[in-house]
Amino acid sequence: MIYSPSLIAVCIFFLFVGITLGISFYLGGKAKSSEGYFAAHGQIPWFVNGVAFAGDYLSAASFLGICGMIAFYGYDGFLYSIGFLAGWVVALFVVAEPMKRLGKFTFADALNSRFNSRGIKVAAGISTLAVSIFYLIPQMVGAGVLVRPLLGLPHWAGVVIVGTVVILIVVTAGMVSTTWVQFLKGALLVFFCAILTLSILQRGFEVYEGPLESQTVTKTPDGKTLINGLPRGTGEGQAVLKPVGHISKLPGGIKKTGPVGPLEFFSILQESEVLLTSSKKVKNEDGSVTTTYTPKPTPGSQVLRPGEHPKFKGIRSNNFKDKLNFLSLMLALFCGTASLPHILIRYYTVKDQAAARKSTIVGIGCIGFFYVLTLYMGLGAMTSGAMDVTDTNMAAPLLARSISELLFAIISAIAFTTVLGTVSGLILASAGAVAHDLVASFVSEPLTDHEQVRIAKIASVVVGVIAIVLGILFKELNVGYLVGWAFSVAASANLPALVMLLFWKKTTKQGIIAAIVVGMTSSLAWILLSADTFANVYGLPAENALVPFSQPGIVTIPLGFVTLVVVSLLTQTTDTNNNRAD
């Protein structure tokens, strides 16, 4: 049985959650002012902030989504890792020091540093909300995924647990506790994933000699699940999913390799044959949907070749639209990192620009090392014989379970609490946008520290509830893929305004506002009208989509830059005093 809760997993899970809440309650008393609540008084050490960057960034998408895509499709999932890491180059050389110099609490502060414009604050505040909520979806989905094997609870229960705990964290403590929680969880996640990788190398490869069987999973209109025609369960007359992921042949006809080295791991896999799983979905006359999963012997060289994942077929496809879709995704991943609100506000938690730069370098080191580990973990899951054929997000936790119940419990609990930290950062960024940017722009008198914090806490509750609902609705999608969409929205809405403000003297407040609005609305509209959304969210035929490919970045990011340039040039004569409030 793939999912069966264990006492040790439950105990470790509640231990980590308890420690997380304990840190939040303890540090909550140190964040009474708005500066403390939103920016930790700018007193976080640069090394701690750098590891906290990793804690923020190495979220459900990294641990669950990327490992899952590598496990099911091979090297292609690693392209997400490359894109995510490359984006930190932009953050280091373009954004880090200017963000610390220009702002105080929120992303809007940096954009509005020259103009004192209410319009900029409102547009940037709405953009922060949109990006944060979009990025919250995969985190909440990942939380629901982790709860299933840990506690034996349904997906929705995990999402509700995370939402409730995160709301408590943000309401009680703010950025101080969020940073220290992220520091601890980021460090622990990287460390124990390194332990998991060493365990994979120590175990090596072994040929599977059991029967090759197809499995059918039927979703009935009333919400029931049938496996090979029987109700899902462990009792008499019920059926469970059989785990998948095996090696069918090893080079030289051997049956088992024993421990392998880091490079030997890839050379052996390249010459082996792996049992991947192909799927075929059919809609039945009674409204039910049956998916047949069939084992498919695949050369290891193909597993390690880019372009096998359906979303990455543009690498080798002759279809120009497929190539554009792939390039669009890579552009979004590269540009999105420096545009994520919960990453940008972390630059305000250190004391000066030099600390901002150094913390970025530390973050790059931790994140880069982790992404190397994802390749081993994903391919290790592919050959572990422990995967859930229906859920790409569960590959890494089930891999850990196949090695050690204790390792599974620790890694899953750390991943779960890392999701807590990431969601806390996103909700805190949203709360800051509401209190510091939106509400403050529409009141006649400046808000006091106490009022800003109180409004932020109310906003945290509202955004948390929205995140819970969306996490339940989007449970079927791979979290790594969902993050690609979030990066597209962030890069389209935020990056053009930020880059042009820093490097083009003719930028006007009207140009910034127009770029944010056009980038945000165009990317959101493109995603909502794409084939992937039609098929996976609306349940409509993908061919009915109104846009030619699913990833919007290659269109909407340049559109944001063009919009800013054109509007700024048109408003040069009317915006003679760029420092005047509107």
Protein backbone atom coordinates (compact mmCIF):
# COMPACT_ATOMS: atom_id res chain seq x y z
CA MET A 1 0.00 0.00 0.00
CA ILE A 2 1.47 3.35 -1.02
CA TYR A 3 -0.20 5.51 1.63
CA SER A 4 -0.26 4.28 5.21
CA PRO A 5 0.38 6.66 8.11
CA SER A 6 2.96 5.66 10.72
CA LEU A 7 3.27 6.71 14.34
CA ILE A 8 6.83 7.99 13.89
CA ALA A 9 5.80 10.16 10.92
CA VAL A 10 2.87 11.63 12.86
CA CYS A 11 5.06 12.37 15.91
CA ILE A 12 7.83 14.04 13.91
CA PHE A 13 5.29 16.02 11.88
CA PHE A 14 3.64 17.49 14.98
CA LEU A 15 7.05 18.10 16.57
CA PHE A 16 8.15 20.27 13.63
CA VAL A 17 4.85 22.12 13.46
CA GLY A 18 4.98 22.70 17.22
CA ILE A 19 8.55 24.08 17.01
CA THR A 20 7.51 26.36 14.15
CA LEU A 21 4.58 27.78 16.10
CA GLY A 22 6.74 28.08 19.23
CA ILE A 23 9.29 30.20 17.35
CA SER A 24 6.50 32.37 15.99
CA PHE A 25 4.89 32.99 19.35
CA TYR A 26 8.26 33.67 21.01
CA LEU A 27 9.43 36.14 18.37
CA GLY A 28 6.02 37.73 17.97
CA GLY A 29 6.71 40.00 20.92
CA LYS A 30 9.71 41.47 19.11
CA ALA A 31 7.67 42.86 16.19
CA LYS A 32 5.31 45.45 17.60
CA SER A 33 5.98 48.25 15.09
CA SER A 34 5.23 48.16 11.36
CA GLU A 35 8.98 48.15 10.64
CA GLY A 36 9.39 45.09 12.82
CA TYR A 37 6.32 43.35 11.45
CA PHE A 38 7.11 43.89 7.75
CA ALA A 39 10.94 44.07 7.71
CA ALA A 40 12.26 42.68 11.03
CA HIS A 41 13.76 46.14 11.77
CA GLY A 42 16.37 45.45 9.06
CA GLN A 43 18.47 43.57 11.61
CA ILE A 44 18.58 40.02 10.19
CA PRO A 45 22.22 38.84 9.70
CA TRP A 46 23.12 38.50 6.04
CA PHE A 47 24.03 34.81 6.30
CA VAL A 48 20.75 33.98 8.03
CA ASN A 49 18.87 35.98 5.41
CA GLY A 50 20.70 34.14 2.62
CA VAL A 51 19.69 30.73 3.96
CA ALA A 52 16.17 32.13 4.51
CA PHE A 53 16.17 33.01 0.79
CA ALA A 54 16.69 29.31 0.18
CA GLY A 55 13.90 28.49 2.61
CA ASP A 56 11.56 30.85 0.75
CA TYR A 57 12.59 29.58 -2.67
CA LEU A 58 12.91 25.84 -2.03
CA SER A 59 9.21 25.37 -1.63
CA ALA A 60 6.69 22.76 -2.71
CA ALA A 61 7.58 23.39 -6.35
CA SER A 62 11.23 22.56 -5.84
CA PHE A 63 10.98 19.53 -3.58
CA LEU A 64 7.74 17.99 -4.84
CA GLY A 65 7.13 19.34 -8.34
CA ILE A 66 10.62 19.20 -9.84
CA CYS A 67 11.50 15.84 -8.30
CA GLY A 68 8.17 14.50 -9.54
CA MET A 69 8.69 15.69 -13.09
CA ILE A 70 12.19 14.22 -13.20
CA ALA A 71 10.86 10.94 -11.77
CA PHE A 72 8.11 10.65 -14.39
CA TYR A 73 9.74 12.22 -17.44
CA GLY A 74 13.50 12.24 -16.88
CA TYR A 75 15.92 15.11 -17.43
CA ASP A 76 13.25 17.57 -18.57
CA GLY A 77 12.12 18.29 -15.04
CA PHE A 78 15.65 19.46 -14.26
CA LEU A 79 15.20 22.26 -16.79
CA TYR A 80 12.93 23.91 -14.22
CA SER A 81 15.82 23.78 -11.73
CA ILE A 82 18.13 25.41 -14.27
CA GLY A 83 15.60 28.14 -14.98
CA PHE A 84 14.91 28.80 -11.30
CA LEU A 85 18.62 29.03 -10.47
CA ALA A 86 19.49 31.20 -13.48
CA GLY A 87 16.93 33.73 -12.31
CA TRP A 88 19.12 34.50 -9.31
CA VAL A 89 21.69 36.01 -11.65
CA VAL A 90 19.15 38.76 -12.36
CA ALA A 91 18.42 39.09 -8.65
CA LEU A 92 22.11 39.40 -7.78
CA PHE A 93 23.30 41.80 -10.47
CA VAL A 94 20.15 43.87 -11.10
CA VAL A 95 17.84 43.87 -8.11
CA ALA A 96 19.58 43.15 -4.78
CA GLU A 97 21.29 46.45 -3.93
CA PRO A 98 18.78 48.83 -5.61
CA MET A 99 15.88 47.19 -3.76
CA LYS A 100 17.58 47.79 -0.41
CA ARG A 101 18.49 51.36 -1.38
CA LEU A 102 15.10 52.38 -2.77
CA GLY A 103 12.57 50.72 -0.49
CA LYS A 104 11.50 50.24 3.09
CA PHE A 105 8.69 47.70 3.40
CA THR A 106 7.22 46.60 0.05
CA PHE A 107 7.96 46.25 -3.67
CA ALA A 108 5.85 49.36 -4.29
CA ASP A 109 8.26 51.40 -2.14
CA ALA A 110 11.07 50.80 -4.63
CA LEU A 111 8.96 51.67 -7.67
CA ASN A 112 7.61 54.77 -5.98
CA SER A 113 10.90 56.07 -4.61
CA ARG A 114 11.20 58.82 -7.27
CA PHE A 115 7.58 59.71 -7.85
CA ASN A 116 5.53 59.68 -4.62
CA SER A 117 2.60 58.50 -6.76
CA ARG A 118 -0.55 56.99 -5.33
CA GLY A 119 -1.23 55.35 -8.70
CA ILE A 120 2.08 53.45 -8.58
CA LYS A 121 1.41 52.23 -5.04
CA VAL A 122 -2.06 50.99 -5.97
CA ALA A 123 -0.90 49.27 -9.19
CA ALA A 124 2.10 47.65 -7.49
CA GLY A 125 -0.03 46.62 -4.51
CA ILE A 126 -2.57 44.89 -6.74
CA SER A 127 0.25 43.23 -8.70
CA THR A 128 1.79 41.95 -5.47
CA LEU A 129 -1.56 40.49 -4.44
CA ALA A 130 -2.08 38.81 -7.82
CA VAL A 131 1.40 37.27 -7.98
CA SER A 132 1.34 36.16 -4.34
CA ILE A 133 -2.05 34.47 -4.65
CA PHE A 134 -1.00 32.76 -7.89
CA TYR A 135 2.20 31.53 -6.23
CA LEU A 136 0.24 30.40 -3.17
CA ILE A 137 -1.70 27.85 -5.23
CA PRO A 138 1.18 25.34 -5.77
CA GLN A 139 2.33 25.74 -2.16
CA MET A 140 -1.10 24.82 -0.84
CA VAL A 141 -1.42 21.95 -3.31
CA GLY A 142 1.96 20.68 -2.12
CA ALA A 143 0.85 20.86 1.50
CA GLY A 144 -2.19 18.74 0.73
CA VAL A 145 0.02 16.23 -1.09
CA LEU A 146 2.37 15.84 1.89
CA VAL A 147 -0.39 15.24 4.41
CA ARG A 148 -1.69 12.13 2.62
CA PRO A 149 1.25 9.82 3.43
CA LEU A 150 2.15 11.58 6.68
CA LEU A 151 -1.20 11.56 8.42
CA GLY A 152 -3.44 9.50 6.14
CA LEU A 153 -5.75 12.51 5.68
CA PRO A 154 -7.35 13.66 2.41
CA HIS A 155 -5.83 16.46 0.32
CA TRP A 156 -8.28 19.12 1.47
CA ALA A 157 -7.44 18.46 5.12
CA GLY A 158 -3.74 19.16 4.49
CA VAL A 159 -4.56 22.42 2.75
CA VAL A 160 -6.77 23.53 5.64
CA ILE A 161 -4.12 22.59 8.22
CA VAL A 162 -1.44 24.60 6.39
CA GLY A 163 -3.73 27.58 5.91
CA THR A 164 -4.69 27.65 9.57
CA VAL A 165 -1.15 27.29 10.89
CA VAL A 166 0.23 29.90 8.49
CA ILE A 167 -2.43 32.42 9.44
CA LEU A 168 -1.42 31.91 13.08
CA ILE A 169 2.27 32.41 12.20
CA VAL A 170 1.73 35.63 10.24
CA VAL A 171 -0.80 37.14 12.64
CA THR A 172 1.34 36.49 15.71
CA ALA A 173 4.84 37.42 14.58
CA GLY A 174 5.38 38.76 11.05
CA MET A 175 8.75 38.89 9.30
CA VAL A 176 10.97 38.19 12.32
CA SER A 177 9.65 34.69 12.93
CA THR A 178 9.11 34.02 9.21
CA THR A 179 12.81 34.66 8.56
CA TRP A 180 14.10 32.45 11.37
CA VAL A 181 11.65 29.67 10.52
CA GLN A 182 12.82 29.82 6.90
CA PHE A 183 16.46 29.77 7.98
CA LEU A 184 15.98 26.61 10.03
CA LYS A 185 13.80 24.83 7.51
CA GLY A 186 15.94 25.79 4.51
CA ALA A 187 19.10 24.50 6.18
CA LEU A 188 17.41 21.29 7.36
CA LEU A 189 15.80 20.60 3.98
CA VAL A 190 19.09 20.90 2.10
CA PHE A 191 20.92 18.79 4.70
CA PHE A 192 18.44 15.92 4.78
CA CYS A 193 17.99 15.92 1.00
CA ALA A 194 21.76 15.48 0.81
CA ILE A 195 21.38 12.51 3.17
CA LEU A 196 18.64 11.12 0.90
CA THR A 197 20.89 11.53 -2.14
CA LEU A 198 23.73 9.68 -0.42
CA SER A 199 21.26 6.89 0.42
CA ILE A 200 20.28 6.66 -3.27
CA LEU A 201 23.92 6.30 -4.29
CA GLN A 202 24.53 3.75 -1.55
CA ARG A 203 21.56 1.64 -2.67
CA GLY A 204 22.46 1.71 -6.36
CA PHE A 205 20.28 0.01 -8.99
CA GLU A 206 18.49 -3.33 -9.04
CA VAL A 207 16.59 -5.07 -11.84
CA TYR A 208 12.87 -5.60 -11.27
CA GLU A 209 11.77 -9.12 -12.19
CA GLY A 210 8.09 -8.98 -11.27
CA PRO A 211 5.09 -8.93 -13.65
CA LEU A 212 4.43 -5.89 -15.83
CA GLU A 213 0.81 -4.94 -15.28
CA SER A 214 -1.35 -2.09 -16.52
CA GLN A 215 -3.51 -0.31 -13.94
CA THR A 216 -6.78 1.51 -14.51
CA VAL A 217 -8.09 4.29 -12.31
CA THR A 218 -11.69 5.40 -12.79
CA LYS A 219 -13.11 8.61 -11.31
CA THR A 220 -16.90 8.32 -11.08
CA PRO A 221 -19.29 11.30 -11.28
CA ASP A 222 -20.08 10.93 -7.56
CA GLY A 223 -16.41 11.33 -6.60
CA LYS A 224 -15.52 7.67 -5.99
CA THR A 225 -12.30 6.05 -7.22
CA LEU A 226 -12.13 2.57 -8.75
CA ILE A 227 -8.83 0.77 -9.21
CA ASN A 228 -8.93 -1.99 -11.83
CA GLY A 229 -12.73 -1.91 -11.49
CA LEU A 230 -12.77 -2.33 -7.68
CA PRO A 231 -13.43 0.36 -5.04
CA ARG A 232 -10.28 1.93 -3.66
CA GLY A 233 -9.41 0.60 -0.20
CA THR A 234 -7.68 -2.15 1.74
CA GLY A 235 -10.64 -4.36 2.66
CA GLU A 236 -12.10 -7.42 0.96
CA GLY A 237 -13.34 -6.67 -2.53
CA GLN A 238 -11.27 -3.46 -2.66
CA ALA A 239 -8.03 -2.60 -4.45
CA VAL A 240 -4.97 -0.43 -3.95
CA LEU A 241 -2.59 1.11 -6.44
CA LYS A 242 0.60 -0.82 -7.00
CA PRO A 243 3.75 1.31 -6.76
CA VAL A 244 5.78 1.81 -9.94
CA GLY A 245 9.28 2.90 -10.96
CA HIS A 246 11.78 0.19 -11.82
CA ILE A 247 14.90 -0.74 -13.74
CA SER A 248 14.17 -3.54 -16.24
CA LYS A 249 17.74 -4.02 -17.56
CA LEU A 250 21.21 -3.11 -16.36
CA PRO A 251 24.35 -2.96 -18.55
CA GLY A 252 26.23 -6.25 -18.87
CA GLY A 253 23.19 -8.28 -17.85
CA ILE A 254 23.86 -7.81 -14.14
CA LYS A 255 20.96 -7.83 -11.65
CA LYS A 256 22.27 -5.40 -9.06
CA THR A 257 25.00 -2.77 -9.00
CA GLY A 258 25.63 -2.15 -5.32
CA PRO A 259 26.77 1.36 -4.25
CA VAL A 260 27.59 3.76 -7.10
CA GLY A 261 29.48 7.06 -7.33
CA PRO A 262 27.92 10.45 -8.23
CA LEU A 263 29.05 10.27 -11.88
CA GLU A 264 28.78 6.49 -12.16
CA PHE A 265 25.08 6.88 -11.26
CA PHE A 266 24.41 8.63 -14.57
CA SER A 267 26.65 6.44 -16.73
CA ILE A 268 24.93 3.27 -15.50
CA LEU A 269 21.46 4.76 -15.90
CA GLN A 270 22.27 5.86 -19.45
CA GLU A 271 23.07 2.26 -20.46
CA SER A 272 20.09 0.74 -18.61
CA GLU A 273 16.43 0.27 -19.47
CA VAL A 274 13.82 1.96 -17.25
CA LEU A 275 10.12 1.17 -16.88
CA LEU A 276 8.34 4.48 -17.34
CA THR A 277 4.56 4.71 -17.37
CA SER A 278 2.41 5.94 -20.24
CA SER A 279 -1.17 7.02 -19.59
CA LYS A 280 -4.34 7.16 -21.68
CA LYS A 281 -7.49 8.90 -20.47
CA VAL A 282 -10.98 8.02 -21.73
CA LYS A 283 -14.29 9.66 -20.82
CA ASN A 284 -17.03 7.04 -20.45
CA GLU A 285 -20.71 7.31 -21.38
CA ASP A 286 -21.78 7.42 -17.71
CA GLY A 287 -19.66 10.52 -17.14
CA SER A 288 -16.81 8.72 -15.39
CA VAL A 289 -13.20 9.11 -16.54
CA THR A 290 -10.90 6.10 -16.82
CA THR A 291 -7.13 6.45 -17.04
CA THR A 292 -5.04 3.44 -18.03
CA TYR A 293 -1.43 3.40 -16.87
CA THR A 294 0.84 1.07 -18.84
CA PRO A 295 4.52 0.25 -18.08
CA LYS A 296 6.75 1.25 -20.96
CA PRO A 297 10.37 0.00 -21.25
CA THR A 298 12.47 3.07 -22.08
CA PRO A 299 16.21 3.37 -22.81
CA GLY A 300 18.11 5.19 -20.10
CA SER A 301 19.69 7.40 -22.74
CA GLN A 302 16.21 8.66 -23.59
CA VAL A 303 15.48 9.38 -19.91
CA LEU A 304 18.55 11.63 -19.76
CA ARG A 305 17.69 13.39 -23.03
CA PRO A 306 15.82 16.72 -22.98
CA GLY A 307 12.53 17.08 -24.83
CA GLU A 308 10.62 14.01 -23.59
CA HIS A 309 8.15 15.80 -21.27
CA PRO A 310 5.00 16.94 -23.13
CA LYS A 311 5.62 20.50 -21.92
CA PHE A 312 9.20 20.47 -23.26
CA LYS A 313 8.60 18.92 -26.65
CA GLY A 314 9.50 22.27 -28.21
CA ILE A 315 13.18 21.43 -27.74
CA ARG A 316 13.08 18.97 -30.63
CA SER A 317 9.68 19.63 -32.17
CA ASN A 318 9.34 20.95 -35.71
CA ASN A 319 6.26 22.88 -34.62
CA PHE A 320 7.16 26.54 -34.17
CA LYS A 321 4.47 27.04 -31.50
CA ASP A 322 6.00 24.27 -29.38
CA LYS A 323 9.39 25.97 -29.57
CA LEU A 324 7.84 29.28 -28.55
CA ASN A 325 6.12 27.63 -25.59
CA PHE A 326 9.42 26.21 -24.32
CA LEU A 327 11.31 29.47 -24.80
CA SER A 328 8.48 31.32 -23.09
CA LEU A 329 8.68 29.10 -20.02
CA MET A 330 12.47 29.47 -19.75
CA LEU A 331 12.19 33.25 -20.10
CA ALA A 332 9.58 33.37 -17.33
CA LEU A 333 11.71 31.26 -14.99
CA PHE A 334 14.77 33.40 -15.68
CA CYS A 335 12.98 36.71 -15.17
CA GLY A 336 10.48 35.69 -12.52
CA THR A 337 12.82 35.20 -9.55
CA ALA A 338 13.73 38.87 -9.33
CA SER A 339 10.03 39.78 -9.51
CA LEU A 340 8.51 37.63 -6.75
CA PRO A 341 7.14 39.84 -3.93
CA HIS A 342 8.11 37.52 -1.07
CA ILE A 343 11.69 37.39 -2.41
CA LEU A 344 11.91 41.15 -2.97
CA ILE A 345 10.75 42.13 0.53
CA ARG A 346 13.48 39.98 2.07
CA TYR A 347 16.03 42.57 0.94
CA TYR A 348 14.52 44.95 3.51
CA THR A 349 15.36 42.64 6.42
CA VAL A 350 19.13 43.28 6.27
CA LYS A 351 20.92 46.46 7.33
CA ASP A 352 22.55 47.71 4.09
CA GLN A 353 23.19 47.11 0.40
CA ALA A 354 26.36 45.08 0.98
CA ALA A 355 24.43 42.72 3.25
CA ALA A 356 21.74 42.41 0.56
CA ARG A 357 24.35 41.36 -1.99
CA LYS A 358 26.06 38.88 0.34
CA SER A 359 22.78 37.29 1.40
CA THR A 360 21.91 36.80 -2.29
CA ILE A 361 25.21 34.98 -2.87
CA VAL A 362 24.57 32.69 0.11
CA GLY A 363 21.08 32.01 -1.23
CA ILE A 364 22.45 31.11 -4.67
CA GLY A 365 24.92 28.65 -3.11
CA CYS A 366 22.26 26.86 -1.05
CA ILE A 367 19.72 26.80 -3.85
CA GLY A 368 22.20 25.65 -6.50
CA PHE A 369 23.37 22.77 -4.31
CA PHE A 370 19.79 21.72 -3.64
CA TYR A 371 18.90 21.73 -7.33
CA VAL A 372 21.79 19.39 -8.09
CA LEU A 373 20.29 17.07 -5.47
CA THR A 374 16.88 17.18 -7.20
CA LEU A 375 18.36 15.40 -10.23
CA TYR A 376 19.54 12.51 -8.09
CA MET A 377 16.31 12.42 -6.09
CA GLY A 378 14.10 12.51 -9.18
CA LEU A 379 16.01 9.77 -11.00
CA GLY A 380 16.28 7.81 -7.76
CA ALA A 381 12.49 7.98 -7.39
CA MET A 382 12.13 6.84 -11.01
CA THR A 383 13.92 3.60 -10.12
CA SER A 384 12.77 3.19 -6.50
CA GLY A 385 9.73 0.98 -7.12
CA ALA A 386 7.73 3.18 -4.76
CA MET A 387 6.03 5.83 -6.91
CA ASP A 388 2.32 6.61 -7.09
CA VAL A 389 1.44 6.35 -10.76
CA THR A 390 -1.36 8.90 -10.38
CA ASP A 391 0.53 11.66 -8.55
CA THR A 392 3.76 13.24 -9.80
CA ASN A 393 3.98 15.39 -6.67
CA MET A 394 4.54 12.40 -4.37
CA ALA A 395 7.73 11.04 -5.96
CA ALA A 396 10.28 12.43 -3.48
CA PRO A 397 8.43 11.60 -0.24
CA LEU A 398 7.67 8.06 -1.41
CA LEU A 399 11.33 7.65 -2.44
CA ALA A 400 12.35 8.55 1.11
CA ARG A 401 9.83 6.05 2.48
CA SER A 402 11.33 3.30 0.29
CA ILE A 403 14.70 3.87 2.00
CA SER A 404 13.75 4.56 5.62
CA GLU A 405 10.55 5.34 7.48
CA LEU A 406 12.49 7.73 9.73
CA LEU A 407 14.08 9.54 6.77
CA PHE A 408 10.65 9.80 5.14
CA ALA A 409 9.13 11.25 8.31
CA ILE A 410 11.89 13.82 8.79
CA ILE A 411 12.09 14.96 5.16
CA SER A 412 8.31 15.16 4.73
CA ALA A 413 7.88 17.07 7.99
CA ILE A 414 10.67 19.51 7.01
CA ALA A 415 9.18 19.93 3.54
CA PHE A 416 5.77 20.53 5.08
CA THR A 417 7.06 23.19 7.45
CA THR A 418 9.10 24.75 4.63
CA VAL A 419 5.82 25.10 2.79
CA LEU A 420 4.54 26.82 5.93
CA GLY A 421 7.40 29.30 5.76
CA THR A 422 6.98 29.99 2.04
CA VAL A 423 3.25 30.52 2.42
CA SER A 424 3.94 32.77 5.42
CA GLY A 425 6.24 34.93 3.29
CA LEU A 426 3.71 35.18 0.49
CA ILE A 427 0.86 36.07 2.81
CA LEU A 428 3.09 38.61 4.56
CA ALA A 429 3.91 40.20 1.19
CA SER A 430 0.19 40.33 0.40
CA ALA A 431 -0.63 41.80 3.81
CA GLY A 432 2.03 44.48 3.34
CA ALA A 433 0.61 45.37 -0.06
CA VAL A 434 -2.86 45.76 1.41
CA ALA A 435 -1.91 47.74 4.51
CA HIS A 436 1.09 49.74 3.31
CA ASP A 437 0.19 50.30 -0.34
CA LEU A 438 -3.56 49.96 -0.95
CA VAL A 439 -5.35 51.06 2.21
CA ALA A 440 -2.77 53.74 2.99
CA SER A 441 -3.35 55.23 -0.48
CA PHE A 442 -7.06 55.82 0.11
CA VAL A 443 -7.18 57.25 3.64
CA SER A 444 -6.96 60.95 4.33
CA GLU A 445 -4.67 60.65 7.36
CA PRO A 446 -1.48 58.55 7.46
CA LEU A 447 -1.93 55.22 9.20
CA THR A 448 -0.20 54.73 12.51
CA ASP A 449 2.12 51.77 13.08
CA HIS A 450 -0.57 50.02 15.08
CA GLU A 451 -3.21 50.56 12.37
CA GLN A 452 -0.91 49.26 9.59
CA VAL A 453 -0.12 46.10 11.54
CA ARG A 454 -3.79 45.54 12.43
CA ILE A 455 -4.91 45.91 8.81
CA ALA A 456 -2.10 43.62 7.68
CA LYS A 457 -3.21 40.93 10.08
CA ILE A 458 -6.82 41.14 8.86
CA ALA A 459 -5.56 40.93 5.25
CA SER A 460 -3.48 37.87 6.20
CA VAL A 461 -6.60 36.04 7.31
CA VAL A 462 -8.47 36.91 4.12
CA VAL A 463 -5.59 35.94 1.80
CA GLY A 464 -5.07 32.74 3.80
CA VAL A 465 -8.69 31.71 3.28
CA ILE A 466 -8.41 32.43 -0.47
CA ALA A 467 -5.23 30.32 -0.62
CA ILE A 468 -7.01 27.41 1.10
CA VAL A 469 -9.85 27.45 -1.43
CA LEU A 470 -7.51 27.63 -4.44
CA GLY A 471 -5.26 24.89 -3.02
CA ILE A 472 -8.24 22.55 -2.92
CA LEU A 473 -9.51 23.46 -6.39
CA PHE A 474 -6.13 22.99 -8.16
CA LYS A 475 -5.13 19.73 -6.47
CA GLU A 476 -4.73 17.73 -9.71
CA LEU A 477 -1.93 19.85 -11.23
CA ASN A 478 1.82 19.39 -10.76
CA VAL A 479 3.05 22.06 -8.38
CA GLY A 480 6.21 22.75 -10.39
CA TYR A 481 4.15 23.48 -13.47
CA LEU A 482 1.85 25.81 -11.52
CA VAL A 483 4.88 27.78 -10.34
CA GLY A 484 5.86 28.35 -13.97
CA TRP A 485 2.62 30.27 -14.39
CA ALA A 486 3.26 32.30 -11.22
CA PHE A 487 6.71 33.26 -12.50
CA SER A 488 5.18 34.40 -15.80
CA VAL A 489 2.76 36.73 -14.04
CA ALA A 490 5.50 38.09 -11.74
CA ALA A 491 7.97 38.71 -14.57
CA SER A 492 5.35 40.30 -16.82
CA ALA A 493 3.88 42.60 -14.15
CA ASN A 494 6.89 43.60 -12.05
CA LEU A 495 10.19 43.20 -13.88
CA PRO A 496 9.73 45.78 -16.71
CA ALA A 497 8.82 48.53 -14.24
CA LEU A 498 11.68 47.74 -11.87
CA VAL A 499 14.40 47.38 -14.54
CA MET A 500 13.39 50.49 -16.48
CA LEU A 501 13.14 52.57 -13.31
CA LEU A 502 16.74 51.64 -12.50
CA PHE A 503 18.26 52.01 -15.96
CA TRP A 504 16.18 54.47 -18.03
CA LYS A 505 16.00 58.08 -16.92
CA LYS A 506 12.97 58.88 -19.08
CA THR A 507 10.73 56.47 -17.16
CA THR A 508 7.58 58.23 -15.93
CA LYS A 509 5.03 57.32 -13.31
CA GLN A 510 2.40 56.80 -16.04
CA GLY A 511 4.74 54.40 -17.81
CA ILE A 512 5.28 52.36 -14.64
CA ILE A 513 1.56 52.14 -13.90
CA ALA A 514 0.73 51.15 -17.50
CA ALA A 515 3.49 48.50 -17.60
CA ILE A 516 2.29 46.89 -14.36
CA VAL A 517 -1.36 46.84 -15.39
CA VAL A 518 -0.73 45.61 -18.95
CA GLY A 519 1.83 42.98 -17.88
CA MET A 520 -0.38 41.64 -15.11
CA THR A 521 -3.66 41.53 -17.01
CA SER A 522 -2.19 40.19 -20.24
CA SER A 523 -0.33 37.33 -18.52
CA LEU A 524 -3.33 36.37 -16.38
CA ALA A 525 -5.65 36.49 -19.38
CA TRP A 526 -3.25 34.39 -21.47
CA ILE A 527 -3.00 31.72 -18.77
CA LEU A 528 -6.78 31.59 -18.26
CA LEU A 529 -7.31 31.19 -22.02
CA SER A 530 -4.57 28.58 -22.57
CA ALA A 531 -4.93 24.94 -23.56
CA ASP A 532 -3.59 23.66 -20.22
CA THR A 533 -6.16 25.67 -18.27
CA PHE A 534 -8.97 24.58 -20.59
CA ALA A 535 -8.06 20.91 -20.15
CA ASN A 536 -6.95 20.76 -16.50
CA VAL A 537 -9.07 23.44 -14.82
CA TYR A 538 -12.21 23.96 -16.91
CA GLY A 539 -12.49 20.36 -18.12
CA LEU A 540 -12.88 21.56 -21.72
CA PRO A 541 -11.12 20.29 -24.86
CA ALA A 542 -7.62 21.75 -25.13
CA GLU A 543 -8.14 22.51 -28.81
CA ASN A 544 -10.79 25.08 -27.84
CA ALA A 545 -8.15 27.30 -26.21
CA LEU A 546 -8.07 30.89 -27.43
CA VAL A 547 -4.27 31.36 -27.36
CA PRO A 548 -1.73 29.42 -29.46
CA PHE A 549 0.43 28.11 -26.59
CA SER A 550 0.21 27.93 -22.80
CA GLN A 551 3.21 29.87 -21.45
CA PRO A 552 2.70 33.65 -21.85
CA GLY A 553 6.12 35.06 -20.89
CA ILE A 554 7.62 35.41 -24.36
CA VAL A 555 4.71 37.69 -25.32
CA THR A 556 3.72 39.42 -22.09
CA ILE A 557 7.20 40.28 -20.69
CA PRO A 558 8.29 42.22 -23.82
CA LEU A 559 4.78 43.71 -23.92
CA GLY A 560 5.38 45.16 -20.44
CA PHE A 561 8.67 46.75 -21.55
CA VAL A 562 7.16 48.15 -24.76
CA THR A 563 4.19 49.55 -22.88
CA LEU A 564 6.43 51.33 -20.39
CA VAL A 565 8.63 52.85 -23.09
CA VAL A 566 5.74 54.04 -25.25
CA VAL A 567 3.70 55.49 -22.39
CA SER A 568 6.76 57.14 -20.84
CA LEU A 569 7.68 58.81 -24.13
CA LEU A 570 4.10 60.01 -24.59
CA THR A 571 3.97 61.49 -21.10
CA GLN A 572 7.34 63.28 -21.07
CA THR A 573 5.81 66.73 -21.54
CA THR A 574 2.94 66.25 -19.09
CA ASP A 575 5.09 64.66 -16.37
CA THR A 576 7.66 67.42 -16.02
CA ASN A 577 7.77 67.05 -12.27
CA ASN A 578 8.27 63.35 -11.64
CA ASN A 579 8.53 63.88 -7.92
CA ARG A 580 5.05 65.41 -7.54
CA ALA A 581 2.39 63.32 -5.80
CA ASP A 582 -0.74 62.52 -7.76
